[in-house]
Amino acid sequence: MRQHTKTMLKKFLVLAAAVQGNTAAFAPPNNMPMFPFRTSPAVDLRPDAMHVYKSCDRVISARNRVSNLKATSVEKDQDSAKNRPKGTPDVFVINSTNDLIDFLSKDDRLCIIKFHAKWCKSCQKFGLRYEKLASAYADILDRKDKSRVLDEGKVRFAEVEFSANAKMCRTLGIKRLPYVHFYRGAEGRLAEFAAGPSKFNLVVDKLNELLSLSQEQIDFNIMMEDGENLGKYLVTELKNEHWDEALADADGKVQHTKAEL
């Protein structure tokens, strides 16, 4: 387990180096300490590990700066909804895994999926705002002929009812409602989070951020997301290993005491 954790940590540092463009500065020493993250007050960083911790901290800070980008066109786009053709915003209803695949593979536009339940009052309030957002960004369909698109939108919208698709929702990791996923073509899932009606601005901000990011920034975000997830995994592994070693050490001392008695 120790060697596996070291290997995973080195991969994380190489990922950080690729983002910073300075591989030499992140080259992990052969005698790398096993606890380069502040996992608890009881685990101190050795002097030769401080540069690793600070470097990783800078990488995560860089990712947060990109994630906090706010676009300035949200209000303008919502106002422009008034000038769009009169019709129905296209919100695709997903009822199976095949529906989900078909929806995501239709084209390369940004996609947003709302997970909700009929019995959830917060979901109902959230749904009203979701519909309004769709009116500004989604395809507008002819009210009499839903196969006819009157105006193509920047974003494609969909929704999944939890009770009718419980197995699929659990597979996708949905544990809270309402919940949203953002996808785009081959890039896959870009973001996901729970957001009640009082925090619907988080959905608008993320939607606008993803629309405004360049391809380079999107790739950067995906790389940082993968790196951060790997970092969380490493911290968990290091905590577990440290705990196992402590238990083994304590058990050894108990056995030694019994032998003396």
C-alpha atoms as a PDB file:
ATOM      1  CA  MET A   1       0.000   0.000   0.000  1.00  0.00           C
ATOM      2  CA  ARG A   2       2.855   2.383   0.827  1.00  0.00           C
ATOM      3  CA  GLN A   3       4.448   1.979  -2.617  1.00  0.00           C
ATOM      4  CA  HIS A   4       1.048   2.339  -4.332  1.00  0.00           C
ATOM      5  CA  THR A   5       0.396   5.595  -2.465  1.00  0.00           C
ATOM      6  CA  LYS A   6       3.832   6.940  -3.405  1.00  0.00           C
ATOM      7  CA  THR A   7       3.148   6.151  -7.060  1.00  0.00           C
ATOM      8  CA  MET A   8      -0.214   7.926  -6.960  1.00  0.00           C
ATOM      9  CA  LEU A   9       1.360  10.942  -5.277  1.00  0.00           C
ATOM     10  CA  LYS A  10       4.085  11.165  -7.936  1.00  0.00           C
ATOM     11  CA  LYS A  11       1.395  11.094 -10.639  1.00  0.00           C
ATOM     12  CA  PHE A  12      -0.346  13.985  -8.893  1.00  0.00           C
ATOM     13  CA  LEU A  13       2.870  15.997  -8.797  1.00  0.00           C
ATOM     14  CA  VAL A  14       3.551  15.336 -12.480  1.00  0.00           C
ATOM     15  CA  LEU A  15       0.035  16.561 -13.233  1.00  0.00           C
ATOM     16  CA  ALA A  16       0.736  19.724 -11.264  1.00  0.00           C
ATOM     17  CA  ALA A  17       4.000  20.167 -13.130  1.00  0.00           C
ATOM     18  CA  ALA A  18       2.243  19.923 -16.485  1.00  0.00           C
ATOM     19  CA  VAL A  19      -0.113  22.715 -15.472  1.00  0.00           C
ATOM     20  CA  GLN A  20       2.625  24.964 -14.099  1.00  0.00           C
ATOM     21  CA  GLY A  21       4.973  24.230 -17.016  1.00  0.00           C
ATOM     22  CA  ASN A  22       7.874  23.549 -14.666  1.00  0.00           C
ATOM     23  CA  THR A  23       8.517  19.835 -14.266  1.00  0.00           C
ATOM     24  CA  ALA A  24      11.859  20.277 -12.494  1.00  0.00           C
ATOM     25  CA  ALA A  25      10.345  22.276  -9.647  1.00  0.00           C
ATOM     26  CA  PHE A  26       7.905  19.461  -8.919  1.00  0.00           C
ATOM     27  CA  ALA A  27      10.251  16.493  -9.284  1.00  0.00           C
ATOM     28  CA  PRO A  28       9.562  14.374  -6.163  1.00  0.00           C
ATOM     29  CA  PRO A  29      12.671  13.277  -4.263  1.00  0.00           C
ATOM     30  CA  ASN A  30      13.320   9.550  -3.852  1.00  0.00           C
ATOM     31  CA  ASN A  31      12.996   9.858  -0.075  1.00  0.00           C
ATOM     32  CA  MET A  32       9.666  11.669  -0.335  1.00  0.00           C
ATOM     33  CA  PRO A  33       7.925  11.817   3.061  1.00  0.00           C
ATOM     34  CA  MET A  34       4.658   9.970   3.293  1.00  0.00           C
ATOM     35  CA  PHE A  35       2.615  12.923   4.602  1.00  0.00           C
ATOM     36  CA  PRO A  36       2.990  15.949   2.301  1.00  0.00           C
ATOM     37  CA  PHE A  37      -0.544  17.156   3.078  1.00  0.00           C
ATOM     38  CA  ARG A  38      -1.854  18.585   6.324  1.00  0.00           C
ATOM     39  CA  THR A  39      -4.163  15.687   7.055  1.00  0.00           C
ATOM     40  CA  SER A  40      -4.411  16.447  10.788  1.00  0.00           C
ATOM     41  CA  PRO A  41      -2.703  18.579  13.466  1.00  0.00           C
ATOM     42  CA  ALA A  42      -0.873  15.451  14.596  1.00  0.00           C
ATOM     43  CA  VAL A  43       0.842  15.014  11.223  1.00  0.00           C
ATOM     44  CA  ASP A  44       3.590  17.611  10.758  1.00  0.00           C
ATOM     45  CA  LEU A  45       5.268  18.435   7.473  1.00  0.00           C
ATOM     46  CA  ARG A  46       8.975  17.765   7.274  1.00  0.00           C
ATOM     47  CA  PRO A  47      11.114  20.641   5.906  1.00  0.00           C
ATOM     48  CA  ASP A  48      11.830  18.774   2.658  1.00  0.00           C
ATOM     49  CA  ALA A  49       8.088  18.336   2.073  1.00  0.00           C
ATOM     50  CA  MET A  50       7.111  21.978   2.484  1.00  0.00           C
ATOM     51  CA  HIS A  51       7.808  22.813  -1.184  1.00  0.00           C
ATOM     52  CA  VAL A  52       5.469  19.966  -2.202  1.00  0.00           C
ATOM     53  CA  TYR A  53       2.635  21.241  -0.006  1.00  0.00           C
ATOM     54  CA  LYS A  54       3.080  24.858  -1.150  1.00  0.00           C
ATOM     55  CA  SER A  55       3.273  23.852  -4.805  1.00  0.00           C
ATOM     56  CA  CYS A  56       0.084  21.813  -4.589  1.00  0.00           C
ATOM     57  CA  ASP A  57      -1.588  24.689  -2.759  1.00  0.00           C
ATOM     58  CA  ARG A  58      -0.619  27.073  -5.590  1.00  0.00           C
ATOM     59  CA  VAL A  59      -2.056  24.688  -8.173  1.00  0.00           C
ATOM     60  CA  ILE A  60      -5.407  24.442  -6.359  1.00  0.00           C
ATOM     61  CA  SER A  61      -5.466  28.237  -5.929  1.00  0.00           C
ATOM     62  CA  ALA A  62      -4.923  28.651  -9.666  1.00  0.00           C
ATOM     63  CA  ARG A  63      -7.851  26.360 -10.355  1.00  0.00           C
ATOM     64  CA  ASN A  64     -10.078  28.343  -7.996  1.00  0.00           C
ATOM     65  CA  ARG A  65      -9.191  31.583  -9.783  1.00  0.00           C
ATOM     66  CA  VAL A  66     -10.329  30.094 -13.073  1.00  0.00           C
ATOM     67  CA  SER A  67     -13.490  28.651 -11.510  1.00  0.00           C
ATOM     68  CA  ASN A  68     -14.405  32.059 -10.116  1.00  0.00           C
ATOM     69  CA  LEU A  69     -14.545  33.667 -13.543  1.00  0.00           C
ATOM     70  CA  LYS A  70     -17.859  35.511 -13.876  1.00  0.00           C
ATOM     71  CA  ALA A  71     -19.295  36.357 -17.257  1.00  0.00           C
ATOM     72  CA  THR A  72     -20.928  39.715 -17.780  1.00  0.00           C
ATOM     73  CA  SER A  73     -23.548  38.705 -20.307  1.00  0.00           C
ATOM     74  CA  VAL A  74     -26.065  36.786 -18.148  1.00  0.00           C
ATOM     75  CA  GLU A  75     -28.446  39.676 -17.615  1.00  0.00           C
ATOM     76  CA  LYS A  76     -28.186  40.683 -21.278  1.00  0.00           C
ATOM     77  CA  ASP A  77     -28.977  37.125 -22.377  1.00  0.00           C
ATOM     78  CA  GLN A  78     -31.935  36.917 -20.015  1.00  0.00           C
ATOM     79  CA  ASP A  79     -33.218  40.238 -21.349  1.00  0.00           C
ATOM     80  CA  SER A  80     -32.792  38.975 -24.897  1.00  0.00           C
ATOM     81  CA  ALA A  81     -35.214  36.133 -24.068  1.00  0.00           C
ATOM     82  CA  LYS A  82     -37.966  38.719 -24.398  1.00  0.00           C
ATOM     83  CA  ASN A  83     -36.932  39.259 -28.016  1.00  0.00           C
ATOM     84  CA  ARG A  84     -36.930  35.563 -28.901  1.00  0.00           C
ATOM     85  CA  PRO A  85     -39.807  34.003 -30.866  1.00  0.00           C
ATOM     86  CA  LYS A  86     -42.881  33.064 -28.866  1.00  0.00           C
ATOM     87  CA  GLY A  87     -42.723  29.361 -28.223  1.00  0.00           C
ATOM     88  CA  THR A  88     -41.856  26.630 -25.738  1.00  0.00           C
ATOM     89  CA  PRO A  89     -38.304  26.168 -24.397  1.00  0.00           C
ATOM     90  CA  ASP A  90     -37.038  22.698 -25.238  1.00  0.00           C
ATOM     91  CA  VAL A  91     -36.416  20.767 -22.000  1.00  0.00           C
ATOM     92  CA  PHE A  92     -35.813  17.130 -22.903  1.00  0.00           C
ATOM     93  CA  VAL A  93     -37.258  14.543 -20.495  1.00  0.00           C
ATOM     94  CA  ILE A  94     -34.830  11.679 -19.798  1.00  0.00           C
ATOM     95  CA  ASN A  95     -36.419   8.371 -18.768  1.00  0.00           C
ATOM     96  CA  SER A  96     -33.641   5.864 -19.448  1.00  0.00           C
ATOM     97  CA  THR A  97     -29.908   5.489 -19.900  1.00  0.00           C
ATOM     98  CA  ASN A  98     -30.446   5.419 -23.661  1.00  0.00           C
ATOM     99  CA  ASP A  99     -32.288   8.740 -23.430  1.00  0.00           C
ATOM    100  CA  LEU A 100     -29.341  10.184 -21.538  1.00  0.00           C
ATOM    101  CA  ILE A 101     -26.836   8.970 -24.125  1.00  0.00           C
ATOM    102  CA  ASP A 102     -28.971  10.236 -27.011  1.00  0.00           C
ATOM    103  CA  PHE A 103     -29.351  13.637 -25.376  1.00  0.00           C
ATOM    104  CA  LEU A 104     -25.639  14.105 -24.690  1.00  0.00           C
ATOM    105  CA  SER A 105     -24.505  12.850 -28.095  1.00  0.00           C
ATOM    106  CA  LYS A 106     -26.859  14.989 -30.201  1.00  0.00           C
ATOM    107  CA  ASP A 107     -24.356  17.839 -30.668  1.00  0.00           C
ATOM    108  CA  ASP A 108     -21.439  19.609 -28.984  1.00  0.00           C
ATOM    109  CA  ARG A 109     -23.357  22.378 -27.254  1.00  0.00           C
ATOM    110  CA  LEU A 110     -23.221  22.801 -23.486  1.00  0.00           C
ATOM    111  CA  CYS A 111     -25.818  20.586 -21.776  1.00  0.00           C
ATOM    112  CA  ILE A 112     -27.430  20.982 -18.368  1.00  0.00           C
ATOM    113  CA  ILE A 113     -29.488  18.265 -16.678  1.00  0.00           C
ATOM    114  CA  LYS A 114     -31.770  18.843 -13.709  1.00  0.00           C
ATOM    115  CA  PHE A 115     -32.466  15.976 -11.297  1.00  0.00           C
ATOM    116  CA  HIS A 116     -35.685  16.456  -9.344  1.00  0.00           C
ATOM    117  CA  ALA A 117     -38.611  14.640  -7.734  1.00  0.00           C
ATOM    118  CA  LYS A 118     -42.335  15.336  -7.941  1.00  0.00           C
ATOM    119  CA  TRP A 119     -42.709  15.160  -4.150  1.00  0.00           C
ATOM    120  CA  CYS A 120     -39.850  17.648  -3.539  1.00  0.00           C
ATOM    121  CA  LYS A 121     -41.173  21.171  -2.843  1.00  0.00           C
ATOM    122  CA  SER A 122     -37.723  22.718  -3.289  1.00  0.00           C
ATOM    123  CA  CYS A 123     -37.529  21.009  -6.681  1.00  0.00           C
ATOM    124  CA  GLN A 124     -40.816  22.621  -7.705  1.00  0.00           C
ATOM    125  CA  LYS A 125     -39.543  26.106  -6.886  1.00  0.00           C
ATOM    126  CA  PHE A 126     -36.217  25.291  -8.528  1.00  0.00           C
ATOM    127  CA  GLY A 127     -38.097  24.085 -11.610  1.00  0.00           C
ATOM    128  CA  LEU A 128     -39.765  27.454 -12.148  1.00  0.00           C
ATOM    129  CA  ARG A 129     -36.390  29.180 -12.314  1.00  0.00           C
ATOM    130  CA  TYR A 130     -34.971  26.393 -14.444  1.00  0.00           C
ATOM    131  CA  GLU A 131     -37.788  26.902 -16.955  1.00  0.00           C
ATOM    132  CA  LYS A 132     -37.099  30.634 -17.042  1.00  0.00           C
ATOM    133  CA  LEU A 133     -33.407  29.998 -17.625  1.00  0.00           C
ATOM    134  CA  ALA A 134     -34.289  27.618 -20.445  1.00  0.00           C
ATOM    135  CA  SER A 135     -36.391  30.361 -22.033  1.00  0.00           C
ATOM    136  CA  ALA A 136     -33.217  32.449 -22.343  1.00  0.00           C
ATOM    137  CA  TYR A 137     -30.732  29.763 -23.433  1.00  0.00           C
ATOM    138  CA  ALA A 138     -32.519  26.664 -24.793  1.00  0.00           C
ATOM    139  CA  ASP A 139     -33.971  25.922 -28.221  1.00  0.00           C
ATOM    140  CA  ILE A 140     -37.389  27.508 -28.692  1.00  0.00           C
ATOM    141  CA  LEU A 141     -39.951  25.123 -30.176  1.00  0.00           C
ATOM    142  CA  ASP A 142     -43.155  25.872 -32.018  1.00  0.00           C
ATOM    143  CA  ARG A 143     -46.025  25.424 -29.564  1.00  0.00           C
ATOM    144  CA  LYS A 144     -48.160  23.613 -32.144  1.00  0.00           C
ATOM    145  CA  ASP A 145     -45.384  21.617 -33.811  1.00  0.00           C
ATOM    146  CA  LYS A 146     -42.770  20.602 -31.222  1.00  0.00           C
ATOM    147  CA  SER A 147     -40.539  19.140 -33.944  1.00  0.00           C
ATOM    148  CA  ARG A 148     -40.011  22.629 -35.371  1.00  0.00           C
ATOM    149  CA  VAL A 149     -37.235  24.755 -33.847  1.00  0.00           C
ATOM    150  CA  LEU A 150     -38.007  28.467 -34.051  1.00  0.00           C
ATOM    151  CA  ASP A 151     -34.734  29.636 -32.532  1.00  0.00           C
ATOM    152  CA  GLU A 152     -31.631  27.612 -31.662  1.00  0.00           C
ATOM    153  CA  GLY A 153     -30.230  28.277 -28.192  1.00  0.00           C
ATOM    154  CA  LYS A 154     -26.705  28.251 -26.796  1.00  0.00           C
ATOM    155  CA  VAL A 155     -27.445  25.485 -24.289  1.00  0.00           C
ATOM    156  CA  ARG A 156     -29.440  22.255 -24.334  1.00  0.00           C
ATOM    157  CA  PHE A 157     -31.644  21.504 -21.313  1.00  0.00           C
ATOM    158  CA  ALA A 158     -32.930  18.215 -19.891  1.00  0.00           C
ATOM    159  CA  GLU A 159     -34.471  16.864 -16.698  1.00  0.00           C
ATOM    160  CA  VAL A 160     -34.646  13.534 -14.867  1.00  0.00           C
ATOM    161  CA  GLU A 161     -37.374  12.625 -12.371  1.00  0.00           C
ATOM    162  CA  PHE A 162     -35.716  10.766  -9.497  1.00  0.00           C
ATOM    163  CA  SER A 163     -38.516   8.398  -8.443  1.00  0.00           C
ATOM    164  CA  ALA A 164     -39.081   7.118 -11.983  1.00  0.00           C
ATOM    165  CA  ASN A 165     -35.341   6.680 -12.592  1.00  0.00           C
ATOM    166  CA  ALA A 166     -33.984   5.852  -9.149  1.00  0.00           C
ATOM    167  CA  LYS A 167     -31.484   3.234 -10.330  1.00  0.00           C
ATOM    168  CA  MET A 168     -29.968   5.503 -12.966  1.00  0.00           C
ATOM    169  CA  CYS A 169     -29.813   8.427 -10.535  1.00  0.00           C
ATOM    170  CA  ARG A 170     -28.003   6.334  -7.945  1.00  0.00           C
ATOM    171  CA  THR A 171     -25.559   5.168 -10.609  1.00  0.00           C
ATOM    172  CA  LEU A 172     -24.861   8.832 -11.397  1.00  0.00           C
ATOM    173  CA  GLY A 173     -24.261   9.559  -7.709  1.00  0.00           C
ATOM    174  CA  ILE A 174     -27.373  11.668  -7.094  1.00  0.00           C
ATOM    175  CA  LYS A 175     -27.914  11.854  -3.326  1.00  0.00           C
ATOM    176  CA  ARG A 176     -29.517  15.282  -2.926  1.00  0.00           C
ATOM    177  CA  LEU A 177     -32.276  17.110  -4.777  1.00  0.00           C
ATOM    178  CA  PRO A 178     -32.462  19.273  -6.748  1.00  0.00           C
ATOM    179  CA  TYR A 179     -29.150  18.461  -8.405  1.00  0.00           C
ATOM    180  CA  VAL A 180     -27.572  19.570 -11.685  1.00  0.00           C
ATOM    181  CA  HIS A 181     -25.010  18.152 -14.113  1.00  0.00           C
ATOM    182  CA  PHE A 182     -23.166  20.073 -16.826  1.00  0.00           C
ATOM    183  CA  TYR A 183     -21.833  18.225 -19.882  1.00  0.00           C
ATOM    184  CA  ARG A 184     -20.310  19.113 -23.234  1.00  0.00           C
ATOM    185  CA  GLY A 185     -19.563  16.678 -26.069  1.00  0.00           C
ATOM    186  CA  ALA A 186     -16.362  14.690 -25.782  1.00  0.00           C
ATOM    187  CA  GLU A 187     -15.334  16.700 -22.704  1.00  0.00           C
ATOM    188  CA  GLY A 188     -17.892  14.764 -20.666  1.00  0.00           C
ATOM    189  CA  ARG A 189     -19.150  15.990 -17.329  1.00  0.00           C
ATOM    190  CA  LEU A 190     -17.795  19.457 -16.549  1.00  0.00           C
ATOM    191  CA  ALA A 191     -19.488  20.172 -13.217  1.00  0.00           C
ATOM    192  CA  GLU A 192     -22.109  18.875 -10.800  1.00  0.00           C
ATOM    193  CA  PHE A 193     -23.618  20.128  -7.562  1.00  0.00           C
ATOM    194  CA  ALA A 194     -26.771  20.432  -5.465  1.00  0.00           C
ATOM    195  CA  ALA A 195     -28.491  23.811  -5.543  1.00  0.00           C
ATOM    196  CA  GLY A 196     -31.798  24.684  -3.932  1.00  0.00           C
ATOM    197  CA  PRO A 197     -34.025  27.488  -5.240  1.00  0.00           C
ATOM    198  CA  SER A 198     -32.360  30.027  -2.932  1.00  0.00           C
ATOM    199  CA  LYS A 199     -28.970  29.221  -4.528  1.00  0.00           C
ATOM    200  CA  PHE A 200     -30.104  29.105  -8.130  1.00  0.00           C
ATOM    201  CA  ASN A 201     -27.587  31.851  -8.870  1.00  0.00           C
ATOM    202  CA  LEU A 202     -24.903  29.139  -8.598  1.00  0.00           C
ATOM    203  CA  VAL A 203     -26.461  27.425 -11.599  1.00  0.00           C
ATOM    204  CA  VAL A 204     -26.579  30.676 -13.583  1.00  0.00           C
ATOM    205  CA  ASP A 205     -22.978  31.527 -12.665  1.00  0.00           C
ATOM    206  CA  LYS A 206     -21.685  28.089 -13.630  1.00  0.00           C
ATOM    207  CA  LEU A 207     -23.662  28.120 -16.878  1.00  0.00           C
ATOM    208  CA  ASN A 208     -22.293  31.524 -17.786  1.00  0.00           C
ATOM    209  CA  GLU A 209     -18.760  30.589 -16.740  1.00  0.00           C
ATOM    210  CA  LEU A 210     -18.727  27.491 -18.939  1.00  0.00           C
ATOM    211  CA  LEU A 211     -20.093  29.447 -21.884  1.00  0.00           C
ATOM    212  CA  SER A 212     -17.423  32.120 -21.512  1.00  0.00           C
ATOM    213  CA  LEU A 213     -14.381  29.862 -21.032  1.00  0.00           C
ATOM    214  CA  SER A 214     -12.026  29.209 -23.908  1.00  0.00           C
ATOM    215  CA  GLN A 215     -11.141  25.625 -24.838  1.00  0.00           C
ATOM    216  CA  GLU A 216      -7.765  26.041 -23.118  1.00  0.00           C
ATOM    217  CA  GLN A 217      -9.445  27.130 -19.889  1.00  0.00           C
ATOM    218  CA  ILE A 218     -11.894  24.239 -20.071  1.00  0.00           C
ATOM    219  CA  ASP A 219      -9.036  21.760 -20.510  1.00  0.00           C
ATOM    220  CA  PHE A 220      -7.246  23.413 -17.587  1.00  0.00           C
ATOM    221  CA  ASN A 221     -10.328  23.069 -15.375  1.00  0.00           C
ATOM    222  CA  ILE A 222     -10.767  19.415 -16.256  1.00  0.00           C
ATOM    223  CA  MET A 223      -7.095  18.740 -15.505  1.00  0.00           C
ATOM    224  CA  MET A 224      -7.347  20.525 -12.168  1.00  0.00           C
ATOM    225  CA  GLU A 225     -10.546  18.684 -11.279  1.00  0.00           C
ATOM    226  CA  ASP A 226      -8.820  15.368 -11.949  1.00  0.00           C
ATOM    227  CA  GLY A 227      -5.806  16.511  -9.931  1.00  0.00           C
ATOM    228  CA  GLU A 228      -7.915  17.656  -7.004  1.00  0.00           C
ATOM    229  CA  ASN A 229      -9.863  14.385  -6.946  1.00  0.00           C
ATOM    230  CA  LEU A 230      -6.580  12.484  -7.002  1.00  0.00           C
ATOM    231  CA  GLY A 231      -5.314  14.674  -4.158  1.00  0.00           C
ATOM    232  CA  LYS A 232      -8.400  13.892  -2.051  1.00  0.00           C
ATOM    233  CA  TYR A 233      -7.912  10.201  -2.751  1.00  0.00           C
ATOM    234  CA  LEU A 234      -4.276  10.416  -1.654  1.00  0.00           C
ATOM    235  CA  VAL A 235      -5.163  12.217   1.558  1.00  0.00           C
ATOM    236  CA  THR A 236      -7.665   9.473   2.386  1.00  0.00           C
ATOM    237  CA  GLU A 237      -5.118   6.776   1.601  1.00  0.00           C
ATOM    238  CA  LEU A 238      -2.468   8.496   3.705  1.00  0.00           C
ATOM    239  CA  LYS A 239      -4.841   8.895   6.647  1.00  0.00           C
ATOM    240  CA  ASN A 240      -5.851   5.239   6.480  1.00  0.00           C
ATOM    241  CA  GLU A 241      -2.259   4.070   6.189  1.00  0.00           C
ATOM    242  CA  HIS A 242      -1.148   6.294   9.066  1.00  0.00           C
ATOM    243  CA  TRP A 243      -3.998   4.933  11.195  1.00  0.00           C
ATOM    244  CA  ASP A 244      -3.188   1.312  10.311  1.00  0.00           C
ATOM    245  CA  GLU A 245       0.460   1.848  11.206  1.00  0.00           C
ATOM    246  CA  ALA A 246      -0.521   3.464  14.520  1.00  0.00           C
ATOM    247  CA  LEU A 247      -2.802   0.530  15.388  1.00  0.00           C
ATOM    248  CA  ALA A 248      -0.115  -1.967  14.441  1.00  0.00           C
ATOM    249  CA  ASP A 249       2.431  -0.098  16.566  1.00  0.00           C
ATOM    250  CA  ALA A 250       0.029   0.054  19.532  1.00  0.00           C
ATOM    251  CA  ASP A 251      -0.771  -3.649  19.182  1.00  0.00           C
ATOM    252  CA  GLY A 252       2.950  -4.454  19.131  1.00  0.00           C
ATOM    253  CA  LYS A 253       3.507  -2.523  22.349  1.00  0.00           C
ATOM    254  CA  VAL A 254       0.600  -4.337  24.032  1.00  0.00           C
ATOM    255  CA  GLN A 255       2.003  -7.732  23.010  1.00  0.00           C
ATOM    256  CA  HIS A 256       5.462  -6.717  24.260  1.00  0.00           C
ATOM    257  CA  THR A 257       3.996  -5.634  27.628  1.00  0.00           C
ATOM    258  CA  LYS A 258       2.111  -8.938  27.982  1.00  0.00           C
ATOM    259  CA  ALA A 259       5.317 -10.866  27.229  1.00  0.00           C
ATOM    260  CA  GLU A 260       7.185  -8.982  29.983  1.00  0.00           C
ATOM    261  CA  LEU A 261       4.404  -9.761  32.456  1.00  0.00           C
END
